[in-house]
Amino acid sequence: MNEASAKHNAEHYPMLEADLFWIAGGQKYIKVVQGRDPEGGSRTSVHSFVDALTGDVYKAAGWKAPALNGARYNLLDEDSLALLKERFDVYGGYLYKK
């Protein structure tokens, strides 16, 4: 995610610093956070959630919870992971149901 973000900014917005992605642990869901300050400072938002047991990837409904209207991808399934990598964009558009 960080590589894709840096590549995207280099191609489209070379004067801007790319956002970073990092994870914040949780008991059931792992929060994927996007922003410029991993310490939780300015300009951070939740990009997605990953179910810690199943590897299912969910679109974020808000800061504290995923949208529970269906998993978008599964990180433990090779075909699903390949599709996620193919469709990934820094804006999270790949997380919307098609």
Protein backbone atom coordinates (compact mmCIF):
# COMPACT_ATOMS: atom_id res chain seq x y z
CA MET A 1 0.00 0.00 0.00
CA ASN A 2 2.80 2.39 0.85
CA GLU A 3 4.60 1.57 -2.41
CA ALA A 4 1.43 2.13 -4.44
CA SER A 5 0.76 5.41 -2.62
CA ALA A 6 4.30 6.67 -3.31
CA LYS A 7 4.08 5.63 -6.97
CA HIS A 8 0.69 7.30 -7.39
CA ASN A 9 1.91 10.57 -5.91
CA ALA A 10 5.12 10.52 -7.95
CA GLU A 11 3.09 10.13 -11.15
CA HIS A 12 0.21 12.51 -10.39
CA TYR A 13 1.25 14.84 -7.56
CA PRO A 14 5.07 14.99 -7.44
CA MET A 15 5.08 18.05 -5.18
CA LEU A 16 3.00 16.37 -2.47
CA GLU A 17 4.12 13.93 0.18
CA ALA A 18 2.41 10.55 -0.19
CA ASP A 19 0.14 9.25 2.53
CA LEU A 20 1.38 6.36 4.66
CA PHE A 21 -0.61 3.26 5.57
CA TRP A 22 -0.22 1.46 8.89
CA ILE A 23 -2.22 -0.93 11.02
CA ALA A 24 -3.77 -0.45 14.43
CA GLY A 25 -4.53 -3.69 16.22
CA GLY A 26 -7.86 -4.74 17.51
CA GLN A 27 -9.28 -7.92 18.98
CA LYS A 28 -11.63 -8.76 16.12
CA TYR A 29 -10.70 -6.31 13.35
CA ILE A 30 -7.35 -4.87 12.36
CA LYS A 31 -7.73 -1.24 11.36
CA VAL A 32 -5.80 -0.05 8.28
CA VAL A 33 -5.16 3.67 8.76
CA GLN A 34 -4.12 6.14 6.06
CA GLY A 35 -2.52 9.52 6.63
CA ARG A 36 0.70 11.36 7.14
CA ASP A 37 1.34 10.85 10.83
CA PRO A 38 1.55 7.28 12.20
CA GLU A 39 1.40 8.73 15.72
CA GLY A 40 -2.27 9.57 15.13
CA GLY A 41 -1.80 13.26 14.42
CA SER A 42 -3.35 15.32 11.69
CA ARG A 43 -4.94 14.03 8.50
CA THR A 44 -5.58 10.41 9.35
CA SER A 45 -8.53 8.28 8.32
CA VAL A 46 -9.48 4.62 8.36
CA HIS A 47 -8.88 3.06 4.96
CA SER A 48 -10.26 -0.42 5.67
CA PHE A 49 -10.62 -3.20 8.23
CA VAL A 50 -9.31 -6.77 8.14
CA ASP A 51 -10.95 -9.55 10.14
CA ALA A 52 -8.14 -10.89 12.34
CA LEU A 53 -9.39 -14.49 12.16
CA THR A 54 -10.56 -14.91 8.58
CA GLY A 55 -8.47 -12.37 6.63
CA ASP A 56 -11.61 -10.79 5.14
CA VAL A 57 -11.15 -7.17 4.01
CA TYR A 58 -14.00 -4.72 4.65
CA LYS A 59 -14.66 -1.14 3.63
CA ALA A 60 -14.69 1.18 6.64
CA ALA A 61 -18.08 2.38 7.88
CA GLY A 62 -16.37 4.86 10.18
CA TRP A 63 -13.41 5.19 12.51
CA LYS A 64 -14.47 2.36 14.81
CA ALA A 65 -16.22 -0.23 12.65
CA PRO A 66 -16.24 -1.89 9.24
CA ALA A 67 -19.16 -1.89 6.83
CA LEU A 68 -20.66 -5.29 7.51
CA ASN A 69 -22.50 -5.63 4.20
CA GLY A 70 -20.02 -8.17 2.91
CA ALA A 71 -16.30 -8.74 2.70
CA ARG A 72 -14.63 -7.27 -0.37
CA TYR A 73 -11.51 -9.48 -0.48
CA ASN A 74 -9.79 -12.19 1.53
CA LEU A 75 -6.07 -11.92 2.24
CA LEU A 76 -5.74 -15.69 2.80
CA ASP A 77 -7.15 -16.61 -0.63
CA GLU A 78 -4.48 -16.27 -3.36
CA ASP A 79 -6.95 -15.37 -6.14
CA SER A 80 -8.69 -12.77 -3.99
CA LEU A 81 -5.35 -11.28 -2.89
CA ALA A 82 -4.18 -11.06 -6.53
CA LEU A 83 -7.43 -9.29 -7.45
CA LEU A 84 -7.01 -6.85 -4.54
CA LYS A 85 -3.47 -6.01 -5.69
CA GLU A 86 -4.68 -5.49 -9.25
CA ARG A 87 -7.56 -3.19 -8.26
CA PHE A 88 -5.95 -1.33 -5.32
CA ASP A 89 -6.05 2.45 -5.38
CA VAL A 90 -5.08 4.92 -2.67
CA TYR A 91 -8.60 6.38 -2.56
CA GLY A 92 -10.29 3.12 -1.54
CA GLY A 93 -12.45 2.86 -4.65
CA TYR A 94 -11.55 -0.81 -4.94
CA LEU A 95 -13.50 -1.43 -1.71
CA TYR A 96 -16.86 -0.46 -3.21
CA LYS A 97 -19.03 -3.31 -4.45
CA LYS A 98 -19.19 -3.52 -8.21
